[in-house]
Amino acid sequence: MESYYFWKYILKKKRKIMRRLKGIQKSLNYTHNFFLTQLENELIQEYNYLLRVEEKFWRLKSRVNWLNEGDANTRFFHTTNLNRRRKNRIIALITDEREWLFNQNDIKNTTFNYFKNLFHTSQFLSKGNSESLEDQDIPRDLSTL
């Protein structure tokens, strides 16, 4: 019951901020006012804060549902799993050449090659760095240090 009142408070507060923002933005269309601009920024920050609170609320609520239902062979479990798989699937990818890829094998190969090139050792040691390492006199025998 407590979450009901919390949720009602958040919704009421969001609606109030949105009404105020619409009024301020309507006024700012006609004339520029420093006070209204400052108030608009404060309201936007407050609205963003409420959105973050709302997101945390839903995240906690989903965890409670998960703990109640668990990994049982239930409709909830299968629906949650299906949604997670849908959300994590890469359907399309745009390459560096601005070409869209939809084929799963093309996406897999492009991703593999991207990270292979990204972590290639020649990028980390440029020619200037390797020459400066060669020029330094590094003793072969550590006892001379």
N, C-alpha and C. Protein backbone atom coordinates (compact mmCIF):
# COMPACT_ATOMS: atom_id res chain seq x y z
N MET A 1 0.83 -1.20 0.00
CA MET A 1 0.00 0.00 0.00
C MET A 1 0.87 1.25 0.00
N GLU A 2 2.01 1.15 0.67
CA GLU A 2 2.92 2.29 0.75
C GLU A 2 3.42 2.68 -0.63
N SER A 3 3.69 1.69 -1.47
CA SER A 3 4.19 1.98 -2.81
C SER A 3 3.12 2.69 -3.65
N TYR A 4 1.85 2.41 -3.38
CA TYR A 4 0.77 3.06 -4.11
C TYR A 4 0.81 4.57 -3.88
N TYR A 5 0.96 4.99 -2.62
CA TYR A 5 1.00 6.42 -2.31
C TYR A 5 2.27 7.08 -2.85
N PHE A 6 3.36 6.35 -2.78
CA PHE A 6 4.61 6.86 -3.33
C PHE A 6 4.46 7.08 -4.83
N TRP A 7 3.90 6.11 -5.52
CA TRP A 7 3.70 6.18 -6.96
C TRP A 7 2.76 7.33 -7.32
N LYS A 8 1.69 7.47 -6.55
CA LYS A 8 0.72 8.54 -6.78
C LYS A 8 1.39 9.91 -6.62
N TYR A 9 2.26 10.04 -5.60
CA TYR A 9 2.98 11.28 -5.35
C TYR A 9 3.90 11.61 -6.53
N ILE A 10 4.63 10.61 -7.02
CA ILE A 10 5.56 10.83 -8.13
C ILE A 10 4.80 11.28 -9.38
N LEU A 11 3.70 10.60 -9.69
CA LEU A 11 2.92 10.96 -10.88
C LEU A 11 2.35 12.38 -10.77
N LYS A 12 1.83 12.72 -9.59
CA LYS A 12 1.26 14.05 -9.38
C LYS A 12 2.35 15.12 -9.54
N LYS A 13 3.51 14.86 -8.97
CA LYS A 13 4.63 15.81 -9.05
C LYS A 13 5.09 15.98 -10.50
N LYS A 14 5.19 14.88 -11.25
CA LYS A 14 5.61 14.96 -12.65
C LYS A 14 4.62 15.78 -13.48
N ARG A 15 3.33 15.53 -13.26
CA ARG A 15 2.30 16.29 -14.01
C ARG A 15 2.38 17.78 -13.71
N LYS A 16 2.58 18.10 -12.43
CA LYS A 16 2.66 19.50 -12.02
C LYS A 16 3.86 20.18 -12.68
N ILE A 17 5.00 19.51 -12.67
CA ILE A 17 6.20 20.08 -13.30
C ILE A 17 5.98 20.26 -14.79
N MET A 18 5.37 19.28 -15.45
CA MET A 18 5.13 19.39 -16.89
C MET A 18 4.21 20.57 -17.21
N ARG A 19 3.17 20.77 -16.40
CA ARG A 19 2.27 21.91 -16.62
C ARG A 19 3.03 23.22 -16.48
N ARG A 20 3.86 23.32 -15.44
CA ARG A 20 4.63 24.54 -15.23
C ARG A 20 5.62 24.76 -16.37
N LEU A 21 6.27 23.68 -16.82
CA LEU A 21 7.23 23.81 -17.93
C LEU A 21 6.55 24.28 -19.21
N LYS A 22 5.36 23.74 -19.49
CA LYS A 22 4.64 24.17 -20.70
C LYS A 22 4.30 25.65 -20.63
N GLY A 23 3.85 26.10 -19.46
CA GLY A 23 3.53 27.52 -19.29
C GLY A 23 4.76 28.40 -19.44
N ILE A 24 5.86 27.98 -18.85
CA ILE A 24 7.10 28.76 -18.94
C ILE A 24 7.58 28.82 -20.38
N GLN A 25 7.56 27.67 -21.06
CA GLN A 25 8.05 27.64 -22.44
C GLN A 25 7.15 28.45 -23.37
N LYS A 26 5.85 28.47 -23.07
CA LYS A 26 4.94 29.29 -23.86
C LYS A 26 5.27 30.77 -23.67
N SER A 27 5.55 31.17 -22.42
CA SER A 27 5.92 32.56 -22.15
C SER A 27 7.25 32.92 -22.78
N LEU A 28 8.20 31.98 -22.76
CA LEU A 28 9.51 32.25 -23.34
C LEU A 28 9.47 32.38 -24.86
N ASN A 29 8.41 31.84 -25.48
CA ASN A 29 8.26 32.01 -26.93
C ASN A 29 8.00 33.46 -27.31
N TYR A 30 7.38 34.21 -26.39
CA TYR A 30 7.04 35.60 -26.68
C TYR A 30 8.09 36.59 -26.21
N THR A 31 8.69 36.31 -25.06
CA THR A 31 9.68 37.24 -24.52
C THR A 31 10.74 36.46 -23.75
N HIS A 32 11.97 36.96 -23.79
CA HIS A 32 13.05 36.31 -23.05
C HIS A 32 13.14 36.91 -21.66
N ASN A 33 13.10 36.04 -20.66
CA ASN A 33 13.16 36.47 -19.28
C ASN A 33 14.16 35.58 -18.55
N PHE A 34 15.16 36.19 -17.93
CA PHE A 34 16.22 35.44 -17.25
C PHE A 34 15.65 34.57 -16.13
N PHE A 35 14.72 35.13 -15.36
CA PHE A 35 14.11 34.39 -14.25
C PHE A 35 13.39 33.14 -14.76
N LEU A 36 12.61 33.30 -15.84
CA LEU A 36 11.88 32.15 -16.39
C LEU A 36 12.84 31.09 -16.94
N THR A 37 13.93 31.53 -17.57
CA THR A 37 14.92 30.58 -18.09
C THR A 37 15.55 29.79 -16.95
N GLN A 38 15.87 30.50 -15.87
CA GLN A 38 16.47 29.84 -14.71
C GLN A 38 15.47 28.86 -14.07
N LEU A 39 14.22 29.28 -13.95
CA LEU A 39 13.19 28.42 -13.39
C LEU A 39 12.96 27.19 -14.27
N GLU A 40 12.99 27.39 -15.58
CA GLU A 40 12.84 26.28 -16.52
C GLU A 40 13.95 25.24 -16.30
N ASN A 41 15.19 25.70 -16.17
CA ASN A 41 16.31 24.78 -15.94
C ASN A 41 16.15 24.02 -14.63
N GLU A 42 15.71 24.71 -13.58
CA GLU A 42 15.50 24.05 -12.29
C GLU A 42 14.41 22.99 -12.38
N LEU A 43 13.32 23.32 -13.08
CA LEU A 43 12.23 22.36 -13.23
C LEU A 43 12.66 21.15 -14.06
N ILE A 44 13.46 21.38 -15.08
CA ILE A 44 13.96 20.26 -15.89
C ILE A 44 14.84 19.35 -15.04
N GLN A 45 15.68 19.94 -14.19
CA GLN A 45 16.51 19.12 -13.30
C GLN A 45 15.66 18.31 -12.33
N GLU A 46 14.63 18.95 -11.79
CA GLU A 46 13.75 18.26 -10.85
C GLU A 46 12.99 17.13 -11.56
N TYR A 47 12.55 17.39 -12.79
CA TYR A 47 11.83 16.37 -13.56
C TYR A 47 12.76 15.19 -13.86
N ASN A 48 14.00 15.47 -14.23
CA ASN A 48 14.96 14.39 -14.49
C ASN A 48 15.22 13.57 -13.23
N TYR A 49 15.28 14.25 -12.09
CA TYR A 49 15.45 13.54 -10.81
C TYR A 49 14.27 12.60 -10.57
N LEU A 50 13.05 13.09 -10.80
CA LEU A 50 11.87 12.24 -10.61
C LEU A 50 11.88 11.05 -11.56
N LEU A 51 12.36 11.25 -12.78
CA LEU A 51 12.46 10.14 -13.72
C LEU A 51 13.44 9.08 -13.21
N ARG A 52 14.56 9.53 -12.64
CA ARG A 52 15.52 8.57 -12.08
C ARG A 52 14.93 7.81 -10.90
N VAL A 53 14.19 8.52 -10.04
CA VAL A 53 13.53 7.88 -8.90
C VAL A 53 12.52 6.85 -9.40
N GLU A 54 11.76 7.23 -10.41
CA GLU A 54 10.76 6.33 -10.98
C GLU A 54 11.43 5.08 -11.56
N GLU A 55 12.54 5.27 -12.24
CA GLU A 55 13.26 4.14 -12.82
C GLU A 55 13.76 3.20 -11.72
N LYS A 56 14.30 3.76 -10.64
CA LYS A 56 14.76 2.93 -9.53
C LYS A 56 13.60 2.17 -8.89
N PHE A 57 12.45 2.85 -8.78
CA PHE A 57 11.27 2.21 -8.21
C PHE A 57 10.87 0.99 -9.03
N TRP A 58 10.82 1.15 -10.35
CA TRP A 58 10.43 0.03 -11.22
C TRP A 58 11.46 -1.09 -11.19
N ARG A 59 12.74 -0.71 -11.09
CA ARG A 59 13.79 -1.73 -11.02
C ARG A 59 13.63 -2.56 -9.74
N LEU A 60 13.38 -1.88 -8.62
CA LEU A 60 13.18 -2.60 -7.35
C LEU A 60 11.93 -3.47 -7.40
N LYS A 61 10.88 -2.93 -8.00
CA LYS A 61 9.63 -3.69 -8.10
C LYS A 61 9.84 -4.95 -8.94
N SER A 62 10.61 -4.84 -10.02
CA SER A 62 10.84 -6.02 -10.85
C SER A 62 11.68 -7.05 -10.09
N ARG A 63 12.62 -6.59 -9.26
CA ARG A 63 13.41 -7.54 -8.45
C ARG A 63 12.53 -8.26 -7.44
N VAL A 64 11.58 -7.54 -6.85
CA VAL A 64 10.67 -8.17 -5.90
C VAL A 64 9.85 -9.23 -6.61
N ASN A 65 9.35 -8.90 -7.80
CA ASN A 65 8.60 -9.89 -8.58
C ASN A 65 9.46 -11.10 -8.88
N TRP A 66 10.71 -10.85 -9.25
CA TRP A 66 11.60 -11.96 -9.58
C TRP A 66 11.84 -12.84 -8.35
N LEU A 67 12.03 -12.21 -7.20
CA LEU A 67 12.25 -13.00 -5.98
C LEU A 67 11.01 -13.80 -5.61
N ASN A 68 9.84 -13.22 -5.81
CA ASN A 68 8.60 -13.94 -5.50
C ASN A 68 8.38 -15.10 -6.45
N GLU A 69 8.58 -14.86 -7.74
CA GLU A 69 8.31 -15.88 -8.75
C GLU A 69 9.50 -16.82 -8.94
N GLY A 70 10.72 -16.25 -8.83
CA GLY A 70 11.92 -17.06 -8.95
C GLY A 70 12.11 -17.63 -10.34
N ASP A 71 12.94 -18.66 -10.40
CA ASP A 71 13.23 -19.33 -11.67
C ASP A 71 12.26 -20.46 -11.94
N ALA A 72 11.13 -20.42 -11.32
CA ALA A 72 10.15 -21.49 -11.51
C ALA A 72 9.69 -21.51 -12.96
N ASN A 73 9.17 -22.62 -13.35
CA ASN A 73 8.69 -22.80 -14.72
C ASN A 73 7.32 -22.12 -14.84
N THR A 74 7.35 -20.78 -14.78
CA THR A 74 6.10 -20.01 -14.78
C THR A 74 6.04 -19.12 -16.02
N ARG A 75 4.88 -18.60 -16.24
CA ARG A 75 4.69 -17.66 -17.35
C ARG A 75 5.56 -16.42 -17.14
N PHE A 76 5.65 -15.95 -15.90
CA PHE A 76 6.48 -14.79 -15.57
C PHE A 76 7.93 -15.03 -15.97
N PHE A 77 8.47 -16.19 -15.60
CA PHE A 77 9.86 -16.52 -15.90
C PHE A 77 10.10 -16.54 -17.41
N HIS A 78 9.23 -17.20 -18.16
CA HIS A 78 9.42 -17.31 -19.60
C HIS A 78 9.25 -15.96 -20.30
N THR A 79 8.31 -15.16 -19.85
CA THR A 79 8.11 -13.83 -20.43
C THR A 79 9.32 -12.95 -20.16
N THR A 80 9.83 -12.98 -18.94
CA THR A 80 11.00 -12.18 -18.59
C THR A 80 12.21 -12.61 -19.40
N ASN A 81 12.39 -13.90 -19.53
CA ASN A 81 13.51 -14.43 -20.31
C ASN A 81 13.41 -14.03 -21.78
N LEU A 82 12.22 -14.13 -22.34
CA LEU A 82 12.00 -13.78 -23.74
C LEU A 82 12.28 -12.29 -23.97
N ASN A 83 11.81 -11.45 -23.06
CA ASN A 83 12.05 -10.00 -23.19
C ASN A 83 13.54 -9.69 -23.09
N ARG A 84 14.24 -10.36 -22.19
CA ARG A 84 15.68 -10.12 -22.04
C ARG A 84 16.42 -10.53 -23.32
N ARG A 85 16.06 -11.67 -23.89
CA ARG A 85 16.71 -12.11 -25.13
C ARG A 85 16.44 -11.13 -26.27
N ARG A 86 15.21 -10.63 -26.35
CA ARG A 86 14.87 -9.65 -27.40
C ARG A 86 15.67 -8.37 -27.23
N LYS A 87 15.80 -7.93 -26.00
CA LYS A 87 16.50 -6.68 -25.71
C LYS A 87 18.00 -6.80 -25.99
N ASN A 88 18.57 -7.95 -25.75
CA ASN A 88 20.01 -8.14 -25.91
C ASN A 88 20.42 -8.51 -27.33
N ARG A 89 19.49 -8.79 -28.20
CA ARG A 89 19.81 -9.21 -29.56
C ARG A 89 20.16 -7.99 -30.42
N ILE A 90 21.21 -8.14 -31.21
CA ILE A 90 21.60 -7.08 -32.15
C ILE A 90 20.94 -7.42 -33.48
N ILE A 91 20.01 -6.60 -33.90
CA ILE A 91 19.26 -6.85 -35.12
C ILE A 91 19.96 -6.24 -36.33
N ALA A 92 20.57 -5.09 -36.14
CA ALA A 92 21.25 -4.40 -37.24
C ALA A 92 22.47 -3.68 -36.69
N LEU A 93 23.42 -3.44 -37.60
CA LEU A 93 24.66 -2.78 -37.22
C LEU A 93 25.10 -1.89 -38.37
N ILE A 94 25.59 -0.70 -38.06
CA ILE A 94 26.09 0.19 -39.10
C ILE A 94 27.61 0.17 -39.04
N THR A 95 28.24 0.02 -40.20
CA THR A 95 29.69 -0.07 -40.27
C THR A 95 30.31 1.31 -40.33
N ASP A 96 31.66 1.34 -40.31
CA ASP A 96 32.37 2.62 -40.43
C ASP A 96 32.12 3.28 -41.77
N GLU A 97 31.78 2.47 -42.77
CA GLU A 97 31.50 3.00 -44.11
C GLU A 97 30.03 3.40 -44.27
N ARG A 98 29.29 3.47 -43.18
CA ARG A 98 27.87 3.85 -43.16
C ARG A 98 26.99 2.86 -43.93
N GLU A 99 27.34 1.59 -43.85
CA GLU A 99 26.58 0.53 -44.50
C GLU A 99 25.85 -0.27 -43.41
N TRP A 100 24.56 -0.48 -43.61
CA TRP A 100 23.77 -1.23 -42.64
C TRP A 100 23.92 -2.72 -42.88
N LEU A 101 24.11 -3.48 -41.80
CA LEU A 101 24.20 -4.94 -41.88
C LEU A 101 23.02 -5.53 -41.11
N PHE A 102 22.33 -6.49 -41.74
CA PHE A 102 21.20 -7.14 -41.09
C PHE A 102 21.44 -8.64 -40.92
N ASN A 103 22.31 -9.22 -41.72
CA ASN A 103 22.62 -10.64 -41.65
C ASN A 103 23.44 -10.91 -40.39
N GLN A 104 23.04 -11.92 -39.61
CA GLN A 104 23.70 -12.21 -38.34
C GLN A 104 25.17 -12.59 -38.52
N ASN A 105 25.49 -13.33 -39.59
CA ASN A 105 26.89 -13.70 -39.85
C ASN A 105 27.73 -12.47 -40.18
N ASP A 106 27.17 -11.55 -40.96
CA ASP A 106 27.89 -10.31 -41.29
C ASP A 106 28.13 -9.48 -40.04
N ILE A 107 27.12 -9.40 -39.19
CA ILE A 107 27.25 -8.64 -37.94
C ILE A 107 28.33 -9.27 -37.06
N LYS A 108 28.32 -10.59 -36.97
CA LYS A 108 29.31 -11.30 -36.14
C LYS A 108 30.72 -11.07 -36.68
N ASN A 109 30.91 -11.20 -37.99
CA ASN A 109 32.24 -11.02 -38.58
C ASN A 109 32.74 -9.59 -38.44
N THR A 110 31.85 -8.63 -38.67
CA THR A 110 32.23 -7.22 -38.56
C THR A 110 32.62 -6.88 -37.13
N THR A 111 31.86 -7.36 -36.17
CA THR A 111 32.16 -7.11 -34.76
C THR A 111 33.49 -7.74 -34.38
N PHE A 112 33.71 -8.98 -34.81
CA PHE A 112 34.97 -9.67 -34.51
C PHE A 112 36.15 -8.90 -35.08
N ASN A 113 36.05 -8.50 -36.35
CA ASN A 113 37.15 -7.78 -36.99
C ASN A 113 37.39 -6.42 -36.35
N TYR A 114 36.32 -5.75 -35.93
CA TYR A 114 36.46 -4.45 -35.27
C TYR A 114 37.31 -4.57 -34.01
N PHE A 115 36.95 -5.54 -33.16
CA PHE A 115 37.70 -5.69 -31.91
C PHE A 115 39.09 -6.27 -32.14
N LYS A 116 39.23 -7.09 -33.16
CA LYS A 116 40.56 -7.62 -33.50
C LYS A 116 41.48 -6.47 -33.89
N ASN A 117 40.98 -5.54 -34.70
CA ASN A 117 41.78 -4.38 -35.10
C ASN A 117 41.98 -3.40 -33.95
N LEU A 118 40.99 -3.30 -33.10
CA LEU A 118 41.07 -2.38 -31.97
C LEU A 118 42.18 -2.77 -31.00
N PHE A 119 42.33 -4.05 -30.77
CA PHE A 119 43.31 -4.52 -29.80
C PHE A 119 44.58 -5.05 -30.44
N HIS A 120 44.83 -4.70 -31.67
CA HIS A 120 46.04 -5.13 -32.36
C HIS A 120 47.23 -4.41 -31.73
N THR A 121 48.33 -5.12 -31.49
CA THR A 121 49.46 -4.56 -30.75
C THR A 121 50.17 -3.43 -31.48
N SER A 122 50.12 -3.41 -32.80
CA SER A 122 50.84 -2.36 -33.53
C SER A 122 50.26 -0.98 -33.25
N GLN A 123 49.02 -0.92 -32.82
CA GLN A 123 48.42 0.38 -32.51
C GLN A 123 48.95 0.92 -31.19
N PHE A 124 49.35 0.05 -30.29
CA PHE A 124 49.81 0.51 -28.99
C PHE A 124 51.27 0.94 -29.00
N LEU A 125 52.06 0.36 -29.88
CA LEU A 125 53.47 0.75 -29.99
C LEU A 125 53.68 1.43 -31.33
N SER A 126 53.66 2.73 -31.31
CA SER A 126 53.93 3.43 -32.55
C SER A 126 55.42 3.38 -32.83
N LYS A 127 55.82 3.70 -34.04
CA LYS A 127 57.22 3.62 -34.42
C LYS A 127 58.08 4.51 -33.53
N GLY A 128 57.59 5.68 -33.19
CA GLY A 128 58.34 6.60 -32.34
C GLY A 128 58.59 6.01 -30.96
N ASN A 129 57.59 5.34 -30.40
CA ASN A 129 57.75 4.75 -29.07
C ASN A 129 58.74 3.60 -29.08
N SER A 130 58.68 2.75 -30.10
CA SER A 130 59.57 1.58 -30.13
C SER A 130 61.01 2.00 -30.32
N GLU A 131 61.27 3.04 -31.12
CA GLU A 131 62.64 3.51 -31.32
C GLU A 131 63.20 4.09 -30.03
N SER A 132 62.38 4.80 -29.28
CA SER A 132 62.87 5.39 -28.04
C SER A 132 63.20 4.30 -27.03
N LEU A 133 62.51 3.19 -27.07
CA LEU A 133 62.83 2.08 -26.19
C LEU A 133 64.14 1.42 -26.59
N GLU A 134 64.38 1.32 -27.90
CA GLU A 134 65.61 0.69 -28.38
C GLU A 134 66.83 1.54 -28.07
N ASP A 135 66.69 2.86 -28.08
CA ASP A 135 67.82 3.76 -27.86
C ASP A 135 68.31 3.72 -26.42
N GLN A 136 67.46 3.37 -25.49
CA GLN A 136 67.87 3.38 -24.09
C GLN A 136 68.76 2.18 -23.80
N ASP A 137 69.74 2.41 -22.96
CA ASP A 137 70.67 1.36 -22.57
C ASP A 137 70.07 0.61 -21.39
N ILE A 138 69.57 -0.58 -21.67
CA ILE A 138 68.97 -1.41 -20.62
C ILE A 138 69.99 -2.48 -20.27
N PRO A 139 70.45 -2.51 -19.02
CA PRO A 139 71.48 -3.49 -18.65
C PRO A 139 70.94 -4.92 -18.69
N ARG A 140 71.75 -5.81 -19.20
CA ARG A 140 71.37 -7.23 -19.26
C ARG A 140 71.47 -7.87 -17.87
N ASP A 141 72.40 -7.39 -17.11
CA ASP A 141 72.61 -7.94 -15.77
C ASP A 141 72.00 -6.99 -14.75
N LEU A 142 71.03 -7.48 -14.00
CA LEU A 142 70.33 -6.63 -13.04
C LEU A 142 71.21 -6.23 -11.86
N SER A 143 72.32 -6.93 -11.62
CA SER A 143 73.18 -6.59 -10.49
C SER A 143 73.91 -5.27 -10.71
N THR A 144 73.97 -4.80 -11.96
CA THR A 144 74.64 -3.53 -12.24
C THR A 144 73.76 -2.34 -11.89
N LEU A 145 72.53 -2.59 -11.60
CA LEU A 145 71.63 -1.48 -11.25
C LEU A 145 71.97 -0.99 -9.93
